[in-house]
Amino acid sequence: MISLLQTDSTHPDFRALVAALDAELLIRDGDDHAFYAQFNTIESIRHVIIAYLNDTAVACGAIKAYSPNAVEIKRMYTTPDHRGKGLARKILNALEDWAAELQYQKCILETGVNQPEAIAMYNKTGYARIPNYGPYAGVETSLCFEKIVR
């Protein structure tokens, strides 16, 4: 049975999942990892969703205020043995709903070119490519997306 928990970045299960995510990204991003890591700190994230399968944390995601009308999707991760089961999509939908409840108009996100699974999911769930924003402007290994949520 899958259940979703709304929490914040202090939750130990979220921290454990993020540690696994960072270990995977270290391999995927290679020499670019330090650049991306500086934008992925979790101390100030107040809106986190964790997916549980039979009391085991298996996936997570978060939203972080980016502007008065936009939140940024952050720290999306599913453990390798639970991929391909729609968990990331469930978390993404829940994050979008939460953003709308908080009166944000859109969700934005950045993902790397070395994450084809993430790119495919964002394309399938209605995200549109946008020019790279903020610290990702001009970064060739970054792809940025947005979706209107209300």
N, C-alpha and C. Protein backbone atom coordinates (compact mmCIF):
# COMPACT_ATOMS: atom_id res chain seq x y z
N MET A 1 0.85 -1.18 0.00
CA MET A 1 0.00 0.00 0.00
C MET A 1 0.89 1.24 0.00
N ILE A 2 0.65 2.14 -0.94
CA ILE A 2 1.41 3.39 -1.03
C ILE A 2 0.69 4.46 -0.22
N SER A 3 1.45 5.17 0.60
CA SER A 3 0.90 6.32 1.31
C SER A 3 1.87 7.48 1.14
N LEU A 4 1.32 8.69 1.14
CA LEU A 4 2.11 9.90 1.00
C LEU A 4 2.04 10.70 2.29
N LEU A 5 3.18 11.22 2.69
CA LEU A 5 3.27 12.04 3.90
C LEU A 5 3.73 13.44 3.51
N GLN A 6 3.00 14.46 3.96
CA GLN A 6 3.45 15.85 3.82
C GLN A 6 4.26 16.19 5.07
N THR A 7 5.46 16.69 4.87
CA THR A 7 6.34 17.03 5.99
C THR A 7 7.28 18.15 5.55
N ASP A 8 8.42 18.25 6.22
CA ASP A 8 9.43 19.24 5.82
C ASP A 8 10.80 18.57 5.76
N SER A 9 11.83 19.36 5.48
CA SER A 9 13.15 18.79 5.24
C SER A 9 13.85 18.26 6.48
N THR A 10 13.25 18.42 7.65
CA THR A 10 13.87 17.88 8.86
C THR A 10 13.55 16.39 9.05
N HIS A 11 12.62 15.87 8.29
CA HIS A 11 12.21 14.47 8.47
C HIS A 11 13.37 13.53 8.13
N PRO A 12 13.70 12.60 9.02
CA PRO A 12 14.85 11.72 8.79
C PRO A 12 14.72 10.84 7.54
N ASP A 13 13.51 10.43 7.19
CA ASP A 13 13.35 9.62 5.97
C ASP A 13 13.66 10.45 4.73
N PHE A 14 13.26 11.70 4.72
CA PHE A 14 13.59 12.58 3.60
C PHE A 14 15.10 12.75 3.50
N ARG A 15 15.74 12.98 4.62
CA ARG A 15 17.19 13.16 4.62
C ARG A 15 17.92 11.91 4.11
N ALA A 16 17.42 10.74 4.47
CA ALA A 16 18.03 9.50 4.00
C ALA A 16 17.85 9.33 2.49
N LEU A 17 16.65 9.63 1.99
CA LEU A 17 16.41 9.54 0.55
C LEU A 17 17.26 10.55 -0.22
N VAL A 18 17.41 11.75 0.32
CA VAL A 18 18.23 12.77 -0.34
C VAL A 18 19.71 12.34 -0.36
N ALA A 19 20.17 11.69 0.68
CA ALA A 19 21.55 11.20 0.70
C ALA A 19 21.75 10.17 -0.42
N ALA A 20 20.77 9.30 -0.63
CA ALA A 20 20.85 8.32 -1.72
C ALA A 20 20.80 9.03 -3.08
N LEU A 21 19.94 10.03 -3.19
CA LEU A 21 19.87 10.82 -4.42
C LEU A 21 21.21 11.48 -4.72
N ASP A 22 21.80 12.11 -3.72
CA ASP A 22 23.08 12.79 -3.93
C ASP A 22 24.18 11.81 -4.35
N ALA A 23 24.17 10.61 -3.78
CA ALA A 23 25.17 9.60 -4.17
C ALA A 23 24.99 9.20 -5.63
N GLU A 24 23.74 9.07 -6.07
CA GLU A 24 23.48 8.74 -7.47
C GLU A 24 23.87 9.89 -8.39
N LEU A 25 23.53 11.12 -7.99
CA LEU A 25 23.86 12.28 -8.83
C LEU A 25 25.36 12.51 -8.92
N LEU A 26 26.09 12.16 -7.90
CA LEU A 26 27.55 12.28 -7.95
C LEU A 26 28.10 11.47 -9.12
N ILE A 27 27.52 10.30 -9.35
CA ILE A 27 27.94 9.45 -10.46
C ILE A 27 27.42 10.01 -11.78
N ARG A 28 26.13 10.35 -11.85
CA ARG A 28 25.53 10.83 -13.10
C ARG A 28 26.12 12.15 -13.56
N ASP A 29 26.32 13.06 -12.61
CA ASP A 29 26.79 14.41 -12.97
C ASP A 29 28.30 14.49 -13.16
N GLY A 30 29.03 13.58 -12.58
CA GLY A 30 30.48 13.59 -12.73
C GLY A 30 31.09 14.90 -12.27
N ASP A 31 31.90 15.50 -13.13
CA ASP A 31 32.60 16.73 -12.79
C ASP A 31 31.67 17.91 -12.52
N ASP A 32 30.42 17.84 -12.99
CA ASP A 32 29.47 18.93 -12.79
C ASP A 32 28.75 18.85 -11.44
N HIS A 33 28.98 17.79 -10.67
CA HIS A 33 28.22 17.58 -9.44
C HIS A 33 28.34 18.73 -8.44
N ALA A 34 29.53 19.22 -8.22
CA ALA A 34 29.72 20.30 -7.22
C ALA A 34 28.92 21.54 -7.62
N PHE A 35 28.87 21.84 -8.91
CA PHE A 35 28.10 23.00 -9.36
C PHE A 35 26.64 22.83 -9.00
N TYR A 36 26.05 21.70 -9.33
CA TYR A 36 24.63 21.46 -9.06
C TYR A 36 24.34 21.34 -7.57
N ALA A 37 25.23 20.71 -6.84
CA ALA A 37 25.00 20.46 -5.41
C ALA A 37 24.77 21.75 -4.63
N GLN A 38 25.41 22.83 -5.03
CA GLN A 38 25.25 24.09 -4.30
C GLN A 38 23.82 24.62 -4.34
N PHE A 39 23.03 24.18 -5.31
CA PHE A 39 21.65 24.65 -5.44
C PHE A 39 20.64 23.65 -4.87
N ASN A 40 21.14 22.59 -4.26
CA ASN A 40 20.26 21.53 -3.78
C ASN A 40 20.32 21.31 -2.28
N THR A 41 20.67 22.33 -1.53
CA THR A 41 20.63 22.20 -0.08
C THR A 41 19.17 22.10 0.35
N ILE A 42 18.94 21.44 1.47
CA ILE A 42 17.56 21.17 1.87
C ILE A 42 17.15 21.87 3.16
N GLU A 43 18.03 22.63 3.77
CA GLU A 43 17.74 23.21 5.08
C GLU A 43 16.50 24.08 5.11
N SER A 44 16.22 24.79 4.05
CA SER A 44 15.10 25.74 4.07
C SER A 44 13.85 25.23 3.36
N ILE A 45 13.76 23.93 3.11
CA ILE A 45 12.59 23.39 2.40
C ILE A 45 11.50 23.04 3.41
N ARG A 46 10.36 23.68 3.25
CA ARG A 46 9.25 23.50 4.19
C ARG A 46 8.15 22.59 3.67
N HIS A 47 8.23 22.20 2.39
CA HIS A 47 7.16 21.41 1.79
C HIS A 47 7.74 20.18 1.10
N VAL A 48 7.66 19.05 1.78
CA VAL A 48 8.24 17.80 1.33
C VAL A 48 7.15 16.73 1.30
N ILE A 49 7.22 15.86 0.31
CA ILE A 49 6.34 14.70 0.27
C ILE A 49 7.22 13.45 0.20
N ILE A 50 6.89 12.50 1.06
CA ILE A 50 7.58 11.21 1.08
C ILE A 50 6.55 10.13 0.76
N ALA A 51 6.92 9.22 -0.14
CA ALA A 51 6.07 8.07 -0.45
C ALA A 51 6.57 6.87 0.33
N TYR A 52 5.61 6.19 0.95
CA TYR A 52 5.92 4.99 1.72
C TYR A 52 5.23 3.79 1.09
N LEU A 53 5.94 2.69 1.07
CA LEU A 53 5.38 1.41 0.69
C LEU A 53 5.52 0.51 1.92
N ASN A 54 4.38 0.20 2.53
CA ASN A 54 4.39 -0.63 3.74
C ASN A 54 5.37 -0.10 4.78
N ASP A 55 5.28 1.16 5.09
CA ASP A 55 6.08 1.82 6.13
C ASP A 55 7.55 2.03 5.77
N THR A 56 7.93 1.77 4.54
CA THR A 56 9.30 2.02 4.09
C THR A 56 9.30 3.21 3.13
N ALA A 57 10.12 4.20 3.41
CA ALA A 57 10.24 5.37 2.54
C ALA A 57 10.93 4.96 1.24
N VAL A 58 10.25 5.18 0.11
CA VAL A 58 10.79 4.73 -1.17
C VAL A 58 10.92 5.84 -2.22
N ALA A 59 10.37 7.02 -1.94
CA ALA A 59 10.45 8.11 -2.91
C ALA A 59 10.16 9.44 -2.21
N CYS A 60 10.62 10.53 -2.83
CA CYS A 60 10.38 11.84 -2.23
C CYS A 60 10.43 12.93 -3.30
N GLY A 61 9.99 14.10 -2.88
CA GLY A 61 10.06 15.30 -3.69
C GLY A 61 9.70 16.48 -2.81
N ALA A 62 10.00 17.67 -3.30
CA ALA A 62 9.75 18.87 -2.49
C ALA A 62 9.45 20.05 -3.41
N ILE A 63 8.86 21.07 -2.80
CA ILE A 63 8.70 22.35 -3.48
C ILE A 63 9.30 23.43 -2.59
N LYS A 64 9.85 24.43 -3.26
CA LYS A 64 10.50 25.54 -2.56
C LYS A 64 10.10 26.83 -3.27
N ALA A 65 9.71 27.84 -2.52
CA ALA A 65 9.31 29.11 -3.13
C ALA A 65 10.45 29.63 -4.00
N TYR A 66 10.10 30.03 -5.22
CA TYR A 66 11.09 30.62 -6.13
C TYR A 66 10.78 32.10 -6.38
N SER A 67 9.50 32.41 -6.53
CA SER A 67 9.06 33.78 -6.76
C SER A 67 7.66 33.89 -6.17
N PRO A 68 7.07 35.08 -6.18
CA PRO A 68 5.72 35.19 -5.61
C PRO A 68 4.68 34.29 -6.28
N ASN A 69 4.91 33.92 -7.54
CA ASN A 69 3.90 33.08 -8.21
C ASN A 69 4.41 31.71 -8.62
N ALA A 70 5.65 31.34 -8.23
CA ALA A 70 6.20 30.06 -8.67
C ALA A 70 6.95 29.35 -7.54
N VAL A 71 6.79 28.03 -7.54
CA VAL A 71 7.61 27.19 -6.68
C VAL A 71 8.52 26.35 -7.58
N GLU A 72 9.64 25.96 -7.01
CA GLU A 72 10.58 25.12 -7.73
C GLU A 72 10.47 23.69 -7.18
N ILE A 73 10.32 22.74 -8.08
CA ILE A 73 10.32 21.33 -7.72
C ILE A 73 11.78 20.95 -7.42
N LYS A 74 11.98 20.32 -6.27
CA LYS A 74 13.33 19.97 -5.83
C LYS A 74 13.36 18.53 -5.34
N ARG A 75 14.52 17.93 -5.38
CA ARG A 75 14.86 16.67 -4.72
C ARG A 75 13.92 15.51 -5.02
N MET A 76 13.53 15.38 -6.28
CA MET A 76 12.71 14.25 -6.72
C MET A 76 13.61 13.00 -6.77
N TYR A 77 13.15 11.94 -6.11
CA TYR A 77 13.95 10.72 -6.08
C TYR A 77 13.06 9.52 -5.77
N THR A 78 13.35 8.42 -6.45
CA THR A 78 12.73 7.13 -6.17
C THR A 78 13.86 6.11 -6.05
N THR A 79 13.80 5.27 -5.04
CA THR A 79 14.83 4.25 -4.88
C THR A 79 14.84 3.34 -6.11
N PRO A 80 16.02 2.88 -6.50
CA PRO A 80 16.12 2.10 -7.75
C PRO A 80 15.18 0.90 -7.83
N ASP A 81 14.97 0.20 -6.74
CA ASP A 81 14.13 -0.99 -6.78
C ASP A 81 12.63 -0.68 -6.84
N HIS A 82 12.26 0.61 -6.79
CA HIS A 82 10.85 0.98 -6.87
C HIS A 82 10.55 1.89 -8.07
N ARG A 83 11.48 2.01 -8.97
CA ARG A 83 11.27 2.83 -10.17
C ARG A 83 10.36 2.12 -11.16
N GLY A 84 9.71 2.93 -11.99
CA GLY A 84 8.84 2.38 -13.01
C GLY A 84 7.46 1.99 -12.50
N LYS A 85 7.13 2.38 -11.27
CA LYS A 85 5.83 2.02 -10.68
C LYS A 85 4.91 3.23 -10.51
N GLY A 86 5.32 4.38 -11.05
CA GLY A 86 4.47 5.57 -10.98
C GLY A 86 4.59 6.38 -9.70
N LEU A 87 5.55 6.06 -8.86
CA LEU A 87 5.69 6.79 -7.59
C LEU A 87 6.09 8.24 -7.81
N ALA A 88 7.03 8.48 -8.70
CA ALA A 88 7.47 9.85 -8.96
C ALA A 88 6.31 10.69 -9.48
N ARG A 89 5.50 10.10 -10.32
CA ARG A 89 4.34 10.83 -10.86
C ARG A 89 3.35 11.16 -9.74
N LYS A 90 3.12 10.21 -8.82
CA LYS A 90 2.23 10.47 -7.68
C LYS A 90 2.76 11.62 -6.84
N ILE A 91 4.05 11.61 -6.57
CA ILE A 91 4.65 12.69 -5.78
C ILE A 91 4.55 14.00 -6.52
N LEU A 92 4.88 13.99 -7.80
CA LEU A 92 4.81 15.22 -8.59
C LEU A 92 3.40 15.79 -8.59
N ASN A 93 2.39 14.94 -8.78
CA ASN A 93 0.99 15.41 -8.75
C ASN A 93 0.65 16.01 -7.39
N ALA A 94 1.09 15.36 -6.32
CA ALA A 94 0.81 15.86 -4.97
C ALA A 94 1.51 17.19 -4.72
N LEU A 95 2.73 17.33 -5.23
CA LEU A 95 3.45 18.60 -5.08
C LEU A 95 2.75 19.72 -5.86
N GLU A 96 2.28 19.42 -7.05
CA GLU A 96 1.55 20.42 -7.85
C GLU A 96 0.28 20.84 -7.13
N ASP A 97 -0.45 19.87 -6.59
CA ASP A 97 -1.66 20.20 -5.84
C ASP A 97 -1.34 21.07 -4.63
N TRP A 98 -0.28 20.75 -3.93
CA TRP A 98 0.13 21.52 -2.76
C TRP A 98 0.50 22.94 -3.16
N ALA A 99 1.22 23.08 -4.27
CA ALA A 99 1.59 24.41 -4.76
C ALA A 99 0.35 25.24 -5.06
N ALA A 100 -0.64 24.62 -5.69
CA ALA A 100 -1.89 25.32 -5.99
C ALA A 100 -2.61 25.72 -4.71
N GLU A 101 -2.65 24.82 -3.72
CA GLU A 101 -3.27 25.14 -2.43
C GLU A 101 -2.59 26.33 -1.76
N LEU A 102 -1.28 26.44 -1.97
CA LEU A 102 -0.51 27.54 -1.39
C LEU A 102 -0.60 28.82 -2.23
N GLN A 103 -1.44 28.78 -3.26
CA GLN A 103 -1.74 29.93 -4.13
C GLN A 103 -0.64 30.25 -5.15
N TYR A 104 0.24 29.30 -5.43
CA TYR A 104 1.23 29.50 -6.49
C TYR A 104 0.58 29.18 -7.83
N GLN A 105 1.04 29.85 -8.87
CA GLN A 105 0.47 29.68 -10.20
C GLN A 105 1.17 28.61 -11.01
N LYS A 106 2.47 28.41 -10.76
CA LYS A 106 3.20 27.45 -11.58
C LYS A 106 4.32 26.80 -10.79
N CYS A 107 4.72 25.66 -11.34
CA CYS A 107 5.89 24.94 -10.83
C CYS A 107 6.97 25.03 -11.90
N ILE A 108 8.19 25.28 -11.46
CA ILE A 108 9.33 25.27 -12.36
C ILE A 108 10.32 24.24 -11.82
N LEU A 109 11.21 23.80 -12.68
CA LEU A 109 12.21 22.85 -12.24
C LEU A 109 13.39 22.84 -13.19
N GLU A 110 14.48 22.33 -12.68
CA GLU A 110 15.69 22.09 -13.47
C GLU A 110 16.04 20.63 -13.33
N THR A 111 16.45 20.02 -14.42
CA THR A 111 17.00 18.67 -14.37
C THR A 111 18.18 18.62 -15.32
N GLY A 112 19.01 17.62 -15.14
CA GLY A 112 20.22 17.52 -15.96
C GLY A 112 20.02 16.65 -17.19
N VAL A 113 20.83 16.88 -18.18
CA VAL A 113 20.74 16.10 -19.42
C VAL A 113 21.07 14.64 -19.18
N ASN A 114 21.73 14.33 -18.06
CA ASN A 114 22.08 12.95 -17.74
C ASN A 114 20.98 12.23 -16.96
N GLN A 115 19.78 12.79 -16.97
CA GLN A 115 18.64 12.18 -16.28
C GLN A 115 17.48 11.97 -17.25
N PRO A 116 17.67 11.10 -18.23
CA PRO A 116 16.63 10.92 -19.26
C PRO A 116 15.29 10.45 -18.71
N GLU A 117 15.30 9.68 -17.63
CA GLU A 117 14.03 9.22 -17.06
C GLU A 117 13.22 10.40 -16.52
N ALA A 118 13.90 11.32 -15.87
CA ALA A 118 13.22 12.51 -15.34
C ALA A 118 12.69 13.37 -16.48
N ILE A 119 13.49 13.58 -17.48
CA ILE A 119 13.07 14.38 -18.64
C ILE A 119 11.82 13.79 -19.27
N ALA A 120 11.82 12.48 -19.46
CA ALA A 120 10.66 11.81 -20.05
C ALA A 120 9.42 11.99 -19.19
N MET A 121 9.58 11.85 -17.86
CA MET A 121 8.42 12.01 -16.97
C MET A 121 7.87 13.44 -17.04
N TYR A 122 8.74 14.43 -17.00
CA TYR A 122 8.27 15.81 -17.04
C TYR A 122 7.56 16.09 -18.36
N ASN A 123 8.09 15.58 -19.47
CA ASN A 123 7.42 15.76 -20.76
C ASN A 123 6.04 15.10 -20.76
N LYS A 124 5.93 13.91 -20.17
CA LYS A 124 4.65 13.18 -20.15
C LYS A 124 3.62 13.81 -19.21
N THR A 125 4.08 14.59 -18.24
CA THR A 125 3.15 15.14 -17.24
C THR A 125 2.82 16.61 -17.49
N GLY A 126 3.07 17.09 -18.68
CA GLY A 126 2.60 18.43 -19.04
C GLY A 126 3.57 19.56 -18.79
N TYR A 127 4.81 19.26 -18.50
CA TYR A 127 5.81 20.32 -18.33
C TYR A 127 6.34 20.74 -19.68
N ALA A 128 6.55 22.04 -19.84
CA ALA A 128 7.06 22.60 -21.08
C ALA A 128 8.46 23.14 -20.85
N ARG A 129 9.32 22.94 -21.83
CA ARG A 129 10.68 23.49 -21.73
C ARG A 129 10.60 25.02 -21.72
N ILE A 130 11.43 25.61 -20.88
CA ILE A 130 11.55 27.07 -20.80
C ILE A 130 13.04 27.41 -20.84
N PRO A 131 13.37 28.67 -21.11
CA PRO A 131 14.78 29.05 -21.04
C PRO A 131 15.32 28.78 -19.64
N ASN A 132 16.55 28.38 -19.57
CA ASN A 132 17.16 28.12 -18.27
C ASN A 132 17.10 29.38 -17.42
N TYR A 133 16.67 29.20 -16.18
CA TYR A 133 16.46 30.33 -15.27
C TYR A 133 17.55 30.39 -14.20
N GLY A 134 17.62 31.55 -13.57
CA GLY A 134 18.49 31.73 -12.41
C GLY A 134 19.90 31.21 -12.61
N PRO A 135 20.37 30.38 -11.69
CA PRO A 135 21.76 29.92 -11.77
C PRO A 135 22.01 28.96 -12.92
N TYR A 136 20.96 28.48 -13.59
CA TYR A 136 21.13 27.53 -14.68
C TYR A 136 21.21 28.21 -16.04
N ALA A 137 21.01 29.54 -16.09
CA ALA A 137 21.08 30.27 -17.35
C ALA A 137 22.46 30.04 -17.98
N GLY A 138 22.43 29.62 -19.23
CA GLY A 138 23.68 29.40 -19.95
C GLY A 138 24.37 28.08 -19.65
N VAL A 139 23.80 27.25 -18.79
CA VAL A 139 24.42 25.97 -18.45
C VAL A 139 23.91 24.91 -19.44
N GLU A 140 24.80 24.41 -20.26
CA GLU A 140 24.40 23.50 -21.34
C GLU A 140 23.92 22.13 -20.85
N THR A 141 24.30 21.73 -19.65
CA THR A 141 23.90 20.42 -19.14
C THR A 141 22.60 20.49 -18.33
N SER A 142 21.97 21.66 -18.29
CA SER A 142 20.70 21.84 -17.58
C SER A 142 19.55 22.02 -18.55
N LEU A 143 18.41 21.46 -18.16
CA LEU A 143 17.16 21.68 -18.88
C LEU A 143 16.14 22.18 -17.87
N CYS A 144 15.42 23.24 -18.21
CA CYS A 144 14.42 23.80 -17.30
C CYS A 144 13.03 23.65 -17.90
N PHE A 145 12.05 23.48 -17.00
CA PHE A 145 10.67 23.22 -17.38
C PHE A 145 9.74 24.02 -16.48
N GLU A 146 8.49 24.18 -16.94
CA GLU A 146 7.45 24.77 -16.09
C GLU A 146 6.10 24.16 -16.44
N LYS A 147 5.20 24.28 -15.45
CA LYS A 147 3.82 23.84 -15.64
C LYS A 147 2.91 24.77 -14.84
N ILE A 148 1.85 25.22 -15.47
CA ILE A 148 0.85 26.03 -14.78
C ILE A 148 0.00 25.09 -13.93
N VAL A 149 -0.19 25.43 -12.65
CA VAL A 149 -0.94 24.54 -11.76
C VAL A 149 -2.25 25.16 -11.27
N ARG A 150 -2.48 26.46 -11.55
CA ARG A 150 -3.78 27.06 -11.22
C ARG A 150 -4.00 28.30 -12.04
